[in-house]
């Protein structure tokens, strides 16, 4: 991050999507990153290195913010669940446009396994699953989410969103389902949006209140 900031001579706000439960800037979980991150104030670490105002948000929440502001979810009421499918599975839940942060439903247990160990894009590649076999796994996961939350809309994000046509035939849920409009870039857009929306950011390890 510091290399990017230095390269572009950036001095403004920075938004960062981070693969963890983030509470008041602090990482509370570390499923797909080093466990040493747990308990670390990520905002302070990044701001100390860059000298910039930093806002850190859960990476799936970042993608959801982007889709609800600029993409498929814009103006949608009811319950919307964005599911990012990549190395793991991330989720963001919105009720009438308002985010319920840090849901991390990729860690639900499904078929005796953690869901992201059963249906992530990484699992498809590692186990060399056909699109049909993998699509049916994703379908079981979505059906489980539907049982729990009765959403009006599923938005599928992550790298596989651009290949939706290869597995959409195997998805059988009652809710409307569609790939993310911003595809794999949703998280980047949402992180930037989170920085713009944040009222109190960190700069150089010090909390700042902004209008």
N, C-alpha and C. Protein backbone atom coordinates (compact mmCIF):
# COMPACT_ATOMS: atom_id res chain seq x y z
N UNK A 1 0.83 -1.20 0.00
CA UNK A 1 0.00 0.00 0.00
C UNK A 1 0.87 1.26 0.00
N UNK A 2 1.94 1.23 0.80
CA UNK A 2 2.84 2.39 0.84
C UNK A 2 3.49 2.62 -0.52
N UNK A 3 3.83 1.54 -1.20
CA UNK A 3 4.43 1.68 -2.54
C UNK A 3 3.45 2.34 -3.50
N UNK A 4 2.18 1.98 -3.43
CA UNK A 4 1.17 2.59 -4.28
C UNK A 4 1.01 4.08 -3.97
N UNK A 5 0.94 4.39 -2.68
CA UNK A 5 0.79 5.78 -2.26
C UNK A 5 1.97 6.62 -2.72
N UNK A 6 3.17 6.08 -2.54
CA UNK A 6 4.37 6.81 -2.95
C UNK A 6 4.43 6.97 -4.47
N UNK A 7 4.06 5.93 -5.20
CA UNK A 7 4.13 5.96 -6.66
C UNK A 7 3.22 7.04 -7.23
N UNK A 8 2.01 7.13 -6.69
CA UNK A 8 1.03 8.10 -7.21
C UNK A 8 1.06 9.43 -6.45
N UNK A 9 2.01 9.54 -5.50
CA UNK A 9 2.13 10.76 -4.71
C UNK A 9 0.77 11.15 -4.11
N UNK A 10 0.11 10.15 -3.53
CA UNK A 10 -1.25 10.32 -3.03
C UNK A 10 -1.22 10.85 -1.60
N UNK A 11 -2.09 11.81 -1.30
CA UNK A 11 -2.16 12.36 0.06
C UNK A 11 -3.60 12.45 0.58
N UNK A 12 -4.55 11.95 -0.20
CA UNK A 12 -5.95 12.00 0.21
C UNK A 12 -6.36 10.80 1.04
N UNK A 13 -7.67 10.60 1.14
CA UNK A 13 -8.21 9.47 1.90
C UNK A 13 -7.90 8.15 1.19
N UNK A 14 -7.82 7.10 1.99
CA UNK A 14 -7.65 5.74 1.46
C UNK A 14 -8.75 4.86 2.03
N UNK A 15 -9.40 4.09 1.17
CA UNK A 15 -10.35 3.08 1.62
C UNK A 15 -9.76 1.71 1.35
N UNK A 16 -9.93 0.80 2.29
CA UNK A 16 -9.34 -0.53 2.16
C UNK A 16 -10.35 -1.60 2.52
N UNK A 17 -10.59 -2.53 1.60
CA UNK A 17 -11.38 -3.71 1.89
C UNK A 17 -10.46 -4.76 2.48
N UNK A 18 -10.83 -5.37 3.61
CA UNK A 18 -9.95 -6.28 4.33
C UNK A 18 -10.70 -7.57 4.66
N UNK A 19 -10.08 -8.74 4.42
CA UNK A 19 -10.78 -10.03 4.61
C UNK A 19 -10.87 -10.45 6.08
N UNK A 20 -11.67 -9.71 6.83
CA UNK A 20 -11.79 -9.95 8.26
C UNK A 20 -13.04 -9.24 8.78
N UNK A 21 -13.54 -9.69 9.92
CA UNK A 21 -14.50 -8.87 10.64
C UNK A 21 -13.74 -7.63 11.12
N UNK A 22 -14.25 -6.46 10.77
CA UNK A 22 -13.61 -5.20 11.15
C UNK A 22 -14.55 -4.44 12.08
N UNK A 23 -14.09 -4.20 13.30
CA UNK A 23 -14.90 -3.46 14.28
C UNK A 23 -14.09 -2.29 14.80
N UNK A 24 -14.53 -1.08 14.47
CA UNK A 24 -13.83 0.14 14.86
C UNK A 24 -12.37 0.11 14.42
N UNK A 25 -12.16 -0.38 13.21
CA UNK A 25 -10.83 -0.41 12.63
C UNK A 25 -9.98 -1.60 13.01
N UNK A 26 -10.47 -2.44 13.92
CA UNK A 26 -9.69 -3.56 14.43
C UNK A 26 -10.13 -4.87 13.79
N UNK A 27 -9.17 -5.68 13.35
CA UNK A 27 -9.46 -6.99 12.78
C UNK A 27 -9.79 -7.97 13.90
N UNK A 28 -10.94 -8.62 13.79
CA UNK A 28 -11.38 -9.55 14.84
C UNK A 28 -11.27 -11.01 14.43
N UNK A 29 -11.09 -11.28 13.13
CA UNK A 29 -10.97 -12.65 12.64
C UNK A 29 -9.85 -12.72 11.62
N UNK A 30 -9.43 -13.94 11.29
CA UNK A 30 -8.35 -14.10 10.30
C UNK A 30 -8.43 -15.49 9.68
N UNK A 31 -9.47 -15.70 8.88
CA UNK A 31 -9.66 -17.02 8.28
C UNK A 31 -8.75 -17.25 7.08
N UNK A 32 -8.50 -16.19 6.30
CA UNK A 32 -7.71 -16.33 5.07
C UNK A 32 -6.46 -15.45 5.08
N UNK A 33 -6.09 -14.97 6.27
CA UNK A 33 -4.87 -14.17 6.43
C UNK A 33 -4.15 -14.66 7.69
N UNK A 34 -2.96 -14.13 7.93
CA UNK A 34 -2.18 -14.54 9.09
C UNK A 34 -2.93 -14.22 10.39
N UNK A 35 -2.91 -15.16 11.33
CA UNK A 35 -3.62 -15.00 12.60
C UNK A 35 -3.10 -13.82 13.42
N UNK A 36 -1.89 -13.35 13.12
CA UNK A 36 -1.32 -12.23 13.88
C UNK A 36 -2.11 -10.94 13.66
N UNK A 37 -2.96 -10.91 12.62
CA UNK A 37 -3.78 -9.72 12.38
C UNK A 37 -4.88 -9.57 13.43
N UNK A 38 -5.28 -10.65 14.09
CA UNK A 38 -6.38 -10.58 15.04
C UNK A 38 -6.02 -9.62 16.19
N UNK A 39 -6.88 -8.65 16.43
CA UNK A 39 -6.64 -7.67 17.48
C UNK A 39 -5.86 -6.46 17.05
N UNK A 40 -5.42 -6.44 15.80
CA UNK A 40 -4.63 -5.32 15.28
C UNK A 40 -5.55 -4.23 14.74
N UNK A 41 -5.26 -2.98 15.06
CA UNK A 41 -5.99 -1.87 14.46
C UNK A 41 -5.42 -1.64 13.06
N UNK A 42 -6.08 -2.18 12.08
CA UNK A 42 -5.59 -2.15 10.70
C UNK A 42 -5.51 -0.72 10.18
N UNK A 43 -6.48 0.10 10.57
CA UNK A 43 -6.48 1.49 10.13
C UNK A 43 -5.22 2.21 10.63
N UNK A 44 -4.85 1.97 11.88
CA UNK A 44 -3.66 2.62 12.42
C UNK A 44 -2.38 2.13 11.73
N UNK A 45 -2.31 0.84 11.47
CA UNK A 45 -1.13 0.29 10.80
C UNK A 45 -0.94 0.90 9.42
N UNK A 46 -2.04 0.93 8.64
CA UNK A 46 -1.94 1.44 7.27
C UNK A 46 -1.72 2.96 7.24
N UNK A 47 -2.34 3.66 8.17
CA UNK A 47 -2.17 5.11 8.18
C UNK A 47 -0.77 5.50 8.63
N UNK A 48 -0.21 4.73 9.58
CA UNK A 48 1.15 5.01 10.03
C UNK A 48 2.15 4.84 8.90
N UNK A 49 1.92 3.86 8.03
CA UNK A 49 2.84 3.61 6.92
C UNK A 49 2.68 4.62 5.79
N UNK A 50 1.44 5.05 5.55
CA UNK A 50 1.17 5.90 4.39
C UNK A 50 1.07 7.38 4.72
N UNK A 51 0.77 7.71 5.98
CA UNK A 51 0.56 9.10 6.34
C UNK A 51 -0.76 9.66 5.85
N UNK A 52 -1.65 8.79 5.41
CA UNK A 52 -2.94 9.21 4.86
C UNK A 52 -4.09 8.85 5.80
N UNK A 53 -5.22 9.49 5.59
CA UNK A 53 -6.45 9.11 6.28
C UNK A 53 -6.92 7.76 5.73
N UNK A 54 -7.18 6.80 6.60
CA UNK A 54 -7.50 5.44 6.16
C UNK A 54 -8.81 4.97 6.80
N UNK A 55 -9.68 4.38 5.98
CA UNK A 55 -10.88 3.71 6.45
C UNK A 55 -10.82 2.26 5.99
N UNK A 56 -10.95 1.33 6.92
CA UNK A 56 -10.91 -0.10 6.60
C UNK A 56 -12.28 -0.70 6.84
N UNK A 57 -12.73 -1.53 5.90
CA UNK A 57 -14.04 -2.15 5.98
C UNK A 57 -13.91 -3.60 5.53
N UNK A 58 -14.75 -4.46 6.02
CA UNK A 58 -14.78 -5.85 5.55
C UNK A 58 -14.89 -5.87 4.03
N UNK A 59 -14.14 -6.74 3.38
CA UNK A 59 -14.06 -6.69 1.91
C UNK A 59 -15.39 -6.99 1.22
N UNK A 60 -16.16 -7.93 1.75
CA UNK A 60 -17.47 -8.22 1.15
C UNK A 60 -18.43 -7.06 1.37
N UNK A 61 -18.35 -6.43 2.55
CA UNK A 61 -19.18 -5.26 2.81
C UNK A 61 -18.85 -4.14 1.82
N UNK A 62 -17.56 -4.00 1.51
CA UNK A 62 -17.14 -2.99 0.53
C UNK A 62 -17.80 -3.25 -0.82
N UNK A 63 -17.75 -4.51 -1.27
CA UNK A 63 -18.37 -4.86 -2.55
C UNK A 63 -19.88 -4.59 -2.51
N UNK A 64 -20.49 -4.90 -1.38
CA UNK A 64 -21.93 -4.67 -1.24
C UNK A 64 -22.27 -3.20 -1.30
N UNK A 65 -21.49 -2.36 -0.64
CA UNK A 65 -21.74 -0.92 -0.66
C UNK A 65 -21.72 -0.39 -2.09
N UNK A 66 -20.77 -0.88 -2.88
CA UNK A 66 -20.67 -0.44 -4.28
C UNK A 66 -21.87 -0.87 -5.10
N UNK A 67 -22.28 -2.12 -4.93
CA UNK A 67 -23.41 -2.63 -5.71
C UNK A 67 -24.73 -1.95 -5.32
N UNK A 68 -24.86 -1.60 -4.06
CA UNK A 68 -26.08 -0.94 -3.61
C UNK A 68 -26.11 0.54 -4.01
N UNK A 69 -24.95 1.12 -4.20
CA UNK A 69 -24.87 2.54 -4.57
C UNK A 69 -24.89 2.73 -6.08
N UNK A 70 -24.16 1.87 -6.80
CA UNK A 70 -23.97 2.09 -8.24
C UNK A 70 -24.42 0.93 -9.12
N UNK A 71 -24.69 -0.23 -8.52
CA UNK A 71 -24.94 -1.42 -9.33
C UNK A 71 -26.35 -1.97 -9.25
N UNK A 72 -26.45 -3.29 -9.20
CA UNK A 72 -27.73 -4.00 -9.25
C UNK A 72 -28.64 -3.61 -8.09
N UNK A 73 -28.06 -3.34 -6.93
CA UNK A 73 -28.88 -3.08 -5.75
C UNK A 73 -29.37 -1.65 -5.61
N UNK A 74 -28.99 -0.78 -6.52
CA UNK A 74 -29.37 0.63 -6.40
C UNK A 74 -30.89 0.78 -6.37
N UNK A 75 -31.37 1.40 -5.29
CA UNK A 75 -32.80 1.65 -5.16
C UNK A 75 -33.62 0.45 -4.73
N UNK A 76 -32.97 -0.70 -4.49
CA UNK A 76 -33.72 -1.89 -4.12
C UNK A 76 -34.10 -1.89 -2.65
N UNK A 77 -35.34 -2.23 -2.36
CA UNK A 77 -35.82 -2.38 -1.00
C UNK A 77 -35.85 -3.86 -0.63
N UNK A 78 -36.20 -4.13 0.63
CA UNK A 78 -36.24 -5.51 1.07
C UNK A 78 -34.87 -6.00 1.47
N UNK A 79 -34.71 -7.32 1.49
CA UNK A 79 -33.46 -7.96 1.90
C UNK A 79 -32.64 -8.32 0.67
N UNK A 80 -31.45 -7.79 0.60
CA UNK A 80 -30.52 -8.07 -0.49
C UNK A 80 -29.26 -8.70 0.10
N UNK A 81 -28.85 -9.83 -0.45
CA UNK A 81 -27.61 -10.47 0.00
C UNK A 81 -26.63 -10.52 -1.16
N UNK A 82 -25.49 -9.87 -0.97
CA UNK A 82 -24.40 -10.00 -1.94
C UNK A 82 -23.47 -11.10 -1.46
N UNK A 83 -23.10 -12.00 -2.37
CA UNK A 83 -22.19 -13.09 -2.05
C UNK A 83 -20.98 -12.97 -2.97
N UNK A 84 -19.80 -12.77 -2.39
CA UNK A 84 -18.57 -12.73 -3.18
C UNK A 84 -17.95 -14.12 -3.14
N UNK A 85 -17.65 -14.65 -4.31
CA UNK A 85 -17.11 -16.00 -4.41
C UNK A 85 -15.74 -15.93 -5.07
N UNK A 86 -14.72 -16.29 -4.31
CA UNK A 86 -13.36 -16.26 -4.82
C UNK A 86 -12.52 -17.25 -4.05
N UNK A 87 -11.42 -16.77 -3.45
CA UNK A 87 -10.60 -17.63 -2.60
C UNK A 87 -11.43 -18.20 -1.46
N UNK A 88 -12.32 -17.37 -0.93
CA UNK A 88 -13.29 -17.80 0.07
C UNK A 88 -14.68 -17.38 -0.37
N UNK A 89 -15.58 -17.25 0.59
CA UNK A 89 -16.92 -16.73 0.32
C UNK A 89 -17.20 -15.62 1.32
N UNK A 90 -17.54 -14.46 0.80
CA UNK A 90 -17.91 -13.33 1.65
C UNK A 90 -19.36 -12.96 1.43
N UNK A 91 -19.97 -12.30 2.40
CA UNK A 91 -21.37 -11.90 2.28
C UNK A 91 -21.58 -10.49 2.81
N UNK A 92 -22.57 -9.83 2.24
CA UNK A 92 -23.01 -8.54 2.76
C UNK A 92 -24.53 -8.52 2.68
N UNK A 93 -25.18 -8.20 3.79
CA UNK A 93 -26.64 -8.18 3.86
C UNK A 93 -27.13 -6.75 4.02
N UNK A 94 -28.13 -6.40 3.21
CA UNK A 94 -28.74 -5.07 3.27
C UNK A 94 -30.24 -5.22 3.47
N UNK A 95 -30.79 -4.41 4.35
CA UNK A 95 -32.24 -4.36 4.55
C UNK A 95 -32.69 -2.94 4.23
N UNK A 96 -33.47 -2.82 3.17
CA UNK A 96 -33.91 -1.50 2.69
C UNK A 96 -32.71 -0.57 2.50
N UNK A 97 -31.64 -1.13 1.95
CA UNK A 97 -30.47 -0.33 1.61
C UNK A 97 -29.48 -0.12 2.74
N UNK A 98 -29.80 -0.61 3.94
CA UNK A 98 -28.91 -0.40 5.08
C UNK A 98 -28.10 -1.67 5.36
N UNK A 99 -26.80 -1.49 5.53
CA UNK A 99 -25.88 -2.62 5.71
C UNK A 99 -25.90 -3.16 7.13
N UNK A 100 -25.96 -4.50 7.24
CA UNK A 100 -25.68 -5.20 8.49
C UNK A 100 -24.23 -5.67 8.37
N UNK A 101 -23.27 -5.01 9.02
CA UNK A 101 -21.85 -5.28 8.74
C UNK A 101 -21.33 -6.61 9.27
N UNK A 102 -20.29 -7.08 8.62
CA UNK A 102 -19.49 -8.22 9.11
C UNK A 102 -20.26 -9.52 9.28
N UNK A 103 -21.13 -9.85 8.33
CA UNK A 103 -21.90 -11.08 8.49
C UNK A 103 -21.05 -12.34 8.30
N UNK A 104 -20.11 -12.32 7.35
CA UNK A 104 -19.17 -13.44 7.19
C UNK A 104 -19.86 -14.80 7.12
N UNK A 105 -20.90 -14.90 6.30
CA UNK A 105 -21.68 -16.14 6.23
C UNK A 105 -21.01 -17.23 5.39
N UNK A 106 -19.84 -16.93 4.88
CA UNK A 106 -19.07 -17.98 4.21
C UNK A 106 -18.55 -19.00 5.19
N UNK A 107 -18.69 -18.71 6.50
CA UNK A 107 -18.19 -19.62 7.52
C UNK A 107 -19.30 -20.45 8.17
N UNK A 108 -20.50 -20.38 7.60
CA UNK A 108 -21.54 -21.31 8.03
C UNK A 108 -21.12 -22.74 7.69
N UNK A 109 -21.63 -23.70 8.44
CA UNK A 109 -21.33 -25.11 8.15
C UNK A 109 -22.34 -25.65 7.16
N UNK A 110 -21.84 -26.26 6.09
CA UNK A 110 -22.68 -26.80 5.03
C UNK A 110 -22.13 -28.15 4.60
N UNK A 111 -22.99 -29.16 4.61
CA UNK A 111 -22.57 -30.52 4.27
C UNK A 111 -21.36 -30.98 5.09
N UNK A 112 -21.34 -30.58 6.36
CA UNK A 112 -20.26 -30.99 7.24
C UNK A 112 -18.97 -30.23 7.07
N UNK A 113 -18.97 -29.21 6.20
CA UNK A 113 -17.78 -28.40 5.96
C UNK A 113 -18.10 -26.93 6.14
N UNK A 114 -17.07 -26.13 6.40
CA UNK A 114 -17.26 -24.69 6.35
C UNK A 114 -17.63 -24.34 4.92
N UNK A 115 -18.64 -23.52 4.74
CA UNK A 115 -19.22 -23.28 3.42
C UNK A 115 -18.18 -22.87 2.38
N UNK A 116 -17.24 -21.99 2.75
CA UNK A 116 -16.27 -21.56 1.75
C UNK A 116 -15.27 -22.67 1.39
N UNK A 117 -15.17 -23.69 2.24
CA UNK A 117 -14.34 -24.85 1.91
C UNK A 117 -15.09 -25.84 1.04
N UNK A 118 -16.38 -25.58 0.85
CA UNK A 118 -17.24 -26.47 0.07
C UNK A 118 -17.59 -25.87 -1.29
N UNK A 119 -17.74 -24.54 -1.35
CA UNK A 119 -18.31 -23.95 -2.57
C UNK A 119 -17.59 -22.72 -3.11
N UNK A 120 -16.40 -22.42 -2.63
CA UNK A 120 -15.69 -21.26 -3.15
C UNK A 120 -15.13 -21.54 -4.55
N UNK A 121 -14.72 -20.50 -5.23
CA UNK A 121 -14.11 -20.67 -6.56
C UNK A 121 -12.78 -21.41 -6.44
N UNK A 122 -12.08 -21.20 -5.33
CA UNK A 122 -10.82 -21.90 -5.12
C UNK A 122 -11.03 -23.40 -5.01
N UNK A 123 -12.14 -23.80 -4.39
CA UNK A 123 -12.47 -25.22 -4.27
C UNK A 123 -12.75 -25.82 -5.64
N UNK A 124 -13.46 -25.08 -6.49
CA UNK A 124 -13.74 -25.57 -7.84
C UNK A 124 -12.45 -25.89 -8.59
N UNK A 125 -11.49 -24.98 -8.47
CA UNK A 125 -10.21 -25.18 -9.17
C UNK A 125 -9.39 -26.30 -8.54
N UNK A 126 -9.34 -26.28 -7.21
CA UNK A 126 -8.50 -27.26 -6.51
C UNK A 126 -9.00 -28.68 -6.70
N UNK A 127 -10.32 -28.86 -6.70
CA UNK A 127 -10.90 -30.20 -6.84
C UNK A 127 -11.26 -30.52 -8.29
N UNK A 128 -10.97 -29.58 -9.18
CA UNK A 128 -11.22 -29.75 -10.62
C UNK A 128 -12.68 -30.13 -10.88
N UNK A 129 -13.58 -29.39 -10.25
CA UNK A 129 -15.01 -29.65 -10.41
C UNK A 129 -15.52 -29.07 -11.73
N UNK A 130 -16.46 -29.75 -12.35
CA UNK A 130 -17.11 -29.18 -13.53
C UNK A 130 -17.98 -28.02 -13.08
N UNK A 131 -18.37 -27.17 -14.03
CA UNK A 131 -19.24 -26.05 -13.69
C UNK A 131 -20.56 -26.54 -13.12
N UNK A 132 -21.03 -27.70 -13.63
CA UNK A 132 -22.28 -28.24 -13.12
C UNK A 132 -22.15 -28.69 -11.67
N UNK A 133 -21.10 -29.46 -11.36
CA UNK A 133 -20.93 -29.94 -9.98
C UNK A 133 -20.70 -28.78 -9.02
N UNK A 134 -19.91 -27.83 -9.47
CA UNK A 134 -19.64 -26.68 -8.60
C UNK A 134 -20.88 -25.81 -8.45
N UNK A 135 -21.60 -25.61 -9.56
CA UNK A 135 -22.82 -24.81 -9.52
C UNK A 135 -23.84 -25.38 -8.56
N UNK A 136 -23.93 -26.70 -8.49
CA UNK A 136 -24.86 -27.33 -7.56
C UNK A 136 -24.43 -27.13 -6.12
N UNK A 137 -23.13 -27.04 -5.88
CA UNK A 137 -22.63 -26.72 -4.54
C UNK A 137 -23.01 -25.29 -4.16
N UNK A 138 -22.80 -24.38 -5.07
CA UNK A 138 -23.18 -22.99 -4.82
C UNK A 138 -24.68 -22.90 -4.57
N UNK A 139 -25.44 -23.67 -5.32
CA UNK A 139 -26.89 -23.67 -5.16
C UNK A 139 -27.29 -24.13 -3.75
N UNK A 140 -26.65 -25.18 -3.24
CA UNK A 140 -26.96 -25.64 -1.88
C UNK A 140 -26.65 -24.54 -0.86
N UNK A 141 -25.58 -23.83 -1.09
CA UNK A 141 -25.21 -22.75 -0.18
C UNK A 141 -26.25 -21.63 -0.22
N UNK A 142 -26.64 -21.23 -1.42
CA UNK A 142 -27.63 -20.17 -1.56
C UNK A 142 -28.98 -20.59 -0.98
N UNK A 143 -29.35 -21.84 -1.17
CA UNK A 143 -30.61 -22.33 -0.60
C UNK A 143 -30.57 -22.27 0.93
N UNK A 144 -29.40 -22.51 1.50
CA UNK A 144 -29.26 -22.44 2.95
C UNK A 144 -29.42 -20.98 3.42
N UNK A 145 -28.81 -20.05 2.69
CA UNK A 145 -28.98 -18.64 3.03
C UNK A 145 -30.43 -18.21 2.87
N UNK A 146 -31.09 -18.74 1.84
CA UNK A 146 -32.49 -18.39 1.62
C UNK A 146 -33.36 -18.91 2.77
N UNK A 147 -33.06 -20.10 3.24
CA UNK A 147 -33.79 -20.67 4.38
C UNK A 147 -33.64 -19.78 5.62
N UNK A 148 -32.44 -19.22 5.81
CA UNK A 148 -32.16 -18.42 7.00
C UNK A 148 -32.70 -16.99 6.92
N UNK A 149 -32.65 -16.38 5.72
CA UNK A 149 -32.91 -14.94 5.63
C UNK A 149 -34.03 -14.53 4.67
N UNK A 150 -34.54 -15.43 3.87
CA UNK A 150 -35.62 -15.13 2.92
C UNK A 150 -35.35 -13.84 2.14
N UNK A 151 -34.25 -13.76 1.43
CA UNK A 151 -33.93 -12.53 0.72
C UNK A 151 -34.80 -12.33 -0.51
N UNK A 152 -34.88 -11.07 -0.93
CA UNK A 152 -35.57 -10.75 -2.17
C UNK A 152 -34.64 -10.85 -3.37
N UNK A 153 -33.34 -10.68 -3.11
CA UNK A 153 -32.37 -10.63 -4.20
C UNK A 153 -31.02 -11.15 -3.74
N UNK A 154 -30.42 -12.03 -4.54
CA UNK A 154 -29.02 -12.43 -4.40
C UNK A 154 -28.21 -11.74 -5.49
N UNK A 155 -27.09 -11.13 -5.10
CA UNK A 155 -26.14 -10.59 -6.08
C UNK A 155 -24.85 -11.38 -5.92
N UNK A 156 -24.38 -11.98 -7.01
CA UNK A 156 -23.15 -12.77 -6.95
C UNK A 156 -21.98 -11.95 -7.46
N UNK A 157 -20.99 -11.76 -6.60
CA UNK A 157 -19.79 -11.00 -6.96
C UNK A 157 -18.56 -11.88 -6.94
N UNK A 158 -17.40 -11.26 -7.02
CA UNK A 158 -16.15 -12.01 -7.09
C UNK A 158 -15.80 -12.35 -8.51
N UNK A 159 -14.67 -13.02 -8.67
CA UNK A 159 -14.16 -13.32 -10.01
C UNK A 159 -15.09 -14.15 -10.88
N UNK A 160 -15.89 -15.05 -10.26
CA UNK A 160 -16.75 -15.93 -11.05
C UNK A 160 -18.02 -15.22 -11.53
N UNK A 161 -18.23 -13.97 -11.10
CA UNK A 161 -19.44 -13.27 -11.53
C UNK A 161 -19.46 -13.06 -13.04
N UNK A 162 -18.27 -12.92 -13.63
CA UNK A 162 -18.21 -12.71 -15.08
C UNK A 162 -18.44 -14.00 -15.86
N UNK A 163 -18.51 -15.14 -15.16
CA UNK A 163 -18.75 -16.43 -15.82
C UNK A 163 -20.09 -17.01 -15.38
N UNK A 164 -20.99 -16.13 -15.00
CA UNK A 164 -22.30 -16.52 -14.47
C UNK A 164 -23.06 -17.44 -15.42
N UNK A 165 -22.94 -17.22 -16.71
CA UNK A 165 -23.68 -18.02 -17.69
C UNK A 165 -23.30 -19.50 -17.65
N UNK A 166 -22.12 -19.81 -17.10
CA UNK A 166 -21.65 -21.20 -17.09
C UNK A 166 -22.28 -22.02 -15.96
N UNK A 167 -22.86 -21.36 -14.97
CA UNK A 167 -23.42 -22.12 -13.85
C UNK A 167 -24.80 -21.66 -13.41
N UNK A 168 -25.34 -20.63 -14.05
CA UNK A 168 -26.64 -20.11 -13.61
C UNK A 168 -27.76 -21.13 -13.73
N UNK A 169 -27.64 -22.07 -14.68
CA UNK A 169 -28.69 -23.08 -14.87
C UNK A 169 -28.82 -24.00 -13.66
N UNK A 170 -27.81 -24.05 -12.81
CA UNK A 170 -27.82 -24.97 -11.67
C UNK A 170 -28.24 -24.27 -10.37
N UNK A 171 -28.60 -23.00 -10.48
CA UNK A 171 -29.01 -22.24 -9.31
C UNK A 171 -30.53 -22.19 -9.25
N UNK A 172 -31.10 -22.78 -8.22
CA UNK A 172 -32.55 -22.89 -8.10
C UNK A 172 -32.99 -22.36 -6.73
N UNK A 173 -33.19 -21.07 -6.68
CA UNK A 173 -33.67 -20.42 -5.46
C UNK A 173 -34.90 -19.60 -5.80
N UNK A 174 -35.69 -19.28 -4.80
CA UNK A 174 -36.90 -18.49 -5.03
C UNK A 174 -36.59 -17.02 -5.27
N UNK A 175 -35.53 -16.53 -4.64
CA UNK A 175 -35.17 -15.12 -4.78
C UNK A 175 -34.62 -14.84 -6.18
N UNK A 176 -34.74 -13.60 -6.61
CA UNK A 176 -34.07 -13.17 -7.83
C UNK A 176 -32.57 -13.31 -7.64
N UNK A 177 -31.85 -13.71 -8.68
CA UNK A 177 -30.41 -13.88 -8.58
C UNK A 177 -29.74 -13.31 -9.82
N UNK A 178 -28.66 -12.55 -9.62
CA UNK A 178 -28.01 -11.89 -10.74
C UNK A 178 -26.54 -11.65 -10.41
N UNK A 179 -25.66 -11.61 -11.42
CA UNK A 179 -24.26 -11.27 -11.14
C UNK A 179 -24.12 -9.78 -10.83
N UNK A 180 -23.08 -9.45 -10.10
CA UNK A 180 -22.81 -8.06 -9.75
C UNK A 180 -22.52 -7.24 -11.01
N UNK A 181 -23.08 -6.04 -11.06
CA UNK A 181 -22.84 -5.16 -12.20
C UNK A 181 -21.39 -4.73 -12.28
N UNK A 182 -20.77 -4.53 -11.12
CA UNK A 182 -19.38 -4.07 -11.07
C UNK A 182 -18.39 -5.22 -11.06
N UNK A 183 -18.93 -6.44 -11.11
CA UNK A 183 -18.12 -7.65 -11.17
C UNK A 183 -17.05 -7.65 -10.08
N UNK A 184 -15.82 -8.05 -10.42
CA UNK A 184 -14.77 -8.20 -9.42
C UNK A 184 -14.21 -6.86 -8.94
N UNK A 185 -14.61 -5.76 -9.60
CA UNK A 185 -14.13 -4.44 -9.19
C UNK A 185 -15.00 -3.82 -8.09
N UNK A 186 -16.08 -4.48 -7.72
CA UNK A 186 -17.01 -3.92 -6.74
C UNK A 186 -16.31 -3.60 -5.43
N UNK A 187 -15.41 -4.47 -4.99
CA UNK A 187 -14.72 -4.25 -3.73
C UNK A 187 -13.85 -3.00 -3.74
N UNK A 188 -13.23 -2.74 -4.88
CA UNK A 188 -12.38 -1.54 -5.01
C UNK A 188 -13.24 -0.29 -4.94
N UNK A 189 -14.34 -0.30 -5.68
CA UNK A 189 -15.24 0.85 -5.68
C UNK A 189 -15.83 1.06 -4.29
N UNK A 190 -16.22 -0.02 -3.63
CA UNK A 190 -16.82 0.08 -2.31
C UNK A 190 -15.86 0.56 -1.25
N UNK A 191 -14.59 0.17 -1.35
CA UNK A 191 -13.59 0.65 -0.40
C UNK A 191 -13.42 2.16 -0.53
N UNK A 192 -13.40 2.63 -1.76
CA UNK A 192 -13.30 4.07 -2.00
C UNK A 192 -14.52 4.78 -1.43
N UNK A 193 -15.69 4.18 -1.64
CA UNK A 193 -16.92 4.76 -1.12
C UNK A 193 -16.91 4.81 0.40
N UNK A 194 -16.40 3.75 1.02
CA UNK A 194 -16.33 3.70 2.48
C UNK A 194 -15.45 4.84 3.02
N UNK A 195 -14.37 5.13 2.33
CA UNK A 195 -13.49 6.23 2.74
C UNK A 195 -14.22 7.56 2.66
N UNK A 196 -15.02 7.73 1.61
CA UNK A 196 -15.75 8.98 1.44
C UNK A 196 -16.85 9.15 2.48
N UNK A 197 -17.43 8.04 2.92
CA UNK A 197 -18.55 8.08 3.86
C UNK A 197 -18.11 8.16 5.31
N UNK A 198 -16.87 7.75 5.59
CA UNK A 198 -16.40 7.67 6.97
C UNK A 198 -16.36 9.04 7.62
N UNK A 199 -16.92 9.13 8.82
CA UNK A 199 -16.91 10.42 9.53
C UNK A 199 -15.70 10.59 10.41
N UNK A 200 -15.10 9.51 10.84
CA UNK A 200 -13.90 9.60 11.66
C UNK A 200 -12.86 8.65 11.11
N UNK A 201 -11.78 9.17 10.59
CA UNK A 201 -10.74 8.34 10.00
C UNK A 201 -9.45 8.44 10.80
N UNK A 202 -8.53 7.56 10.44
CA UNK A 202 -7.23 7.52 11.10
C UNK A 202 -6.18 8.13 10.18
N UNK A 203 -5.33 8.98 10.72
CA UNK A 203 -4.20 9.51 9.96
C UNK A 203 -2.96 9.44 10.85
N UNK A 204 -1.93 8.74 10.35
CA UNK A 204 -0.71 8.62 11.12
C UNK A 204 -0.90 8.01 12.48
N UNK A 205 -1.92 7.14 12.61
CA UNK A 205 -2.17 6.48 13.88
C UNK A 205 -3.04 7.27 14.83
N UNK A 206 -3.53 8.44 14.42
CA UNK A 206 -4.34 9.30 15.27
C UNK A 206 -5.74 9.43 14.69
N UNK A 207 -6.77 9.33 15.55
CA UNK A 207 -8.14 9.45 15.11
C UNK A 207 -8.46 10.90 14.73
N UNK A 208 -9.11 11.09 13.58
CA UNK A 208 -9.52 12.42 13.14
C UNK A 208 -11.02 12.40 12.86
N UNK A 209 -11.71 13.45 13.23
CA UNK A 209 -13.13 13.59 12.91
C UNK A 209 -13.26 14.48 11.70
N UNK A 210 -14.01 14.00 10.70
CA UNK A 210 -14.17 14.74 9.47
C UNK A 210 -15.65 15.08 9.26
N UNK A 211 -15.92 16.15 8.53
CA UNK A 211 -17.33 16.51 8.25
C UNK A 211 -17.97 15.46 7.36
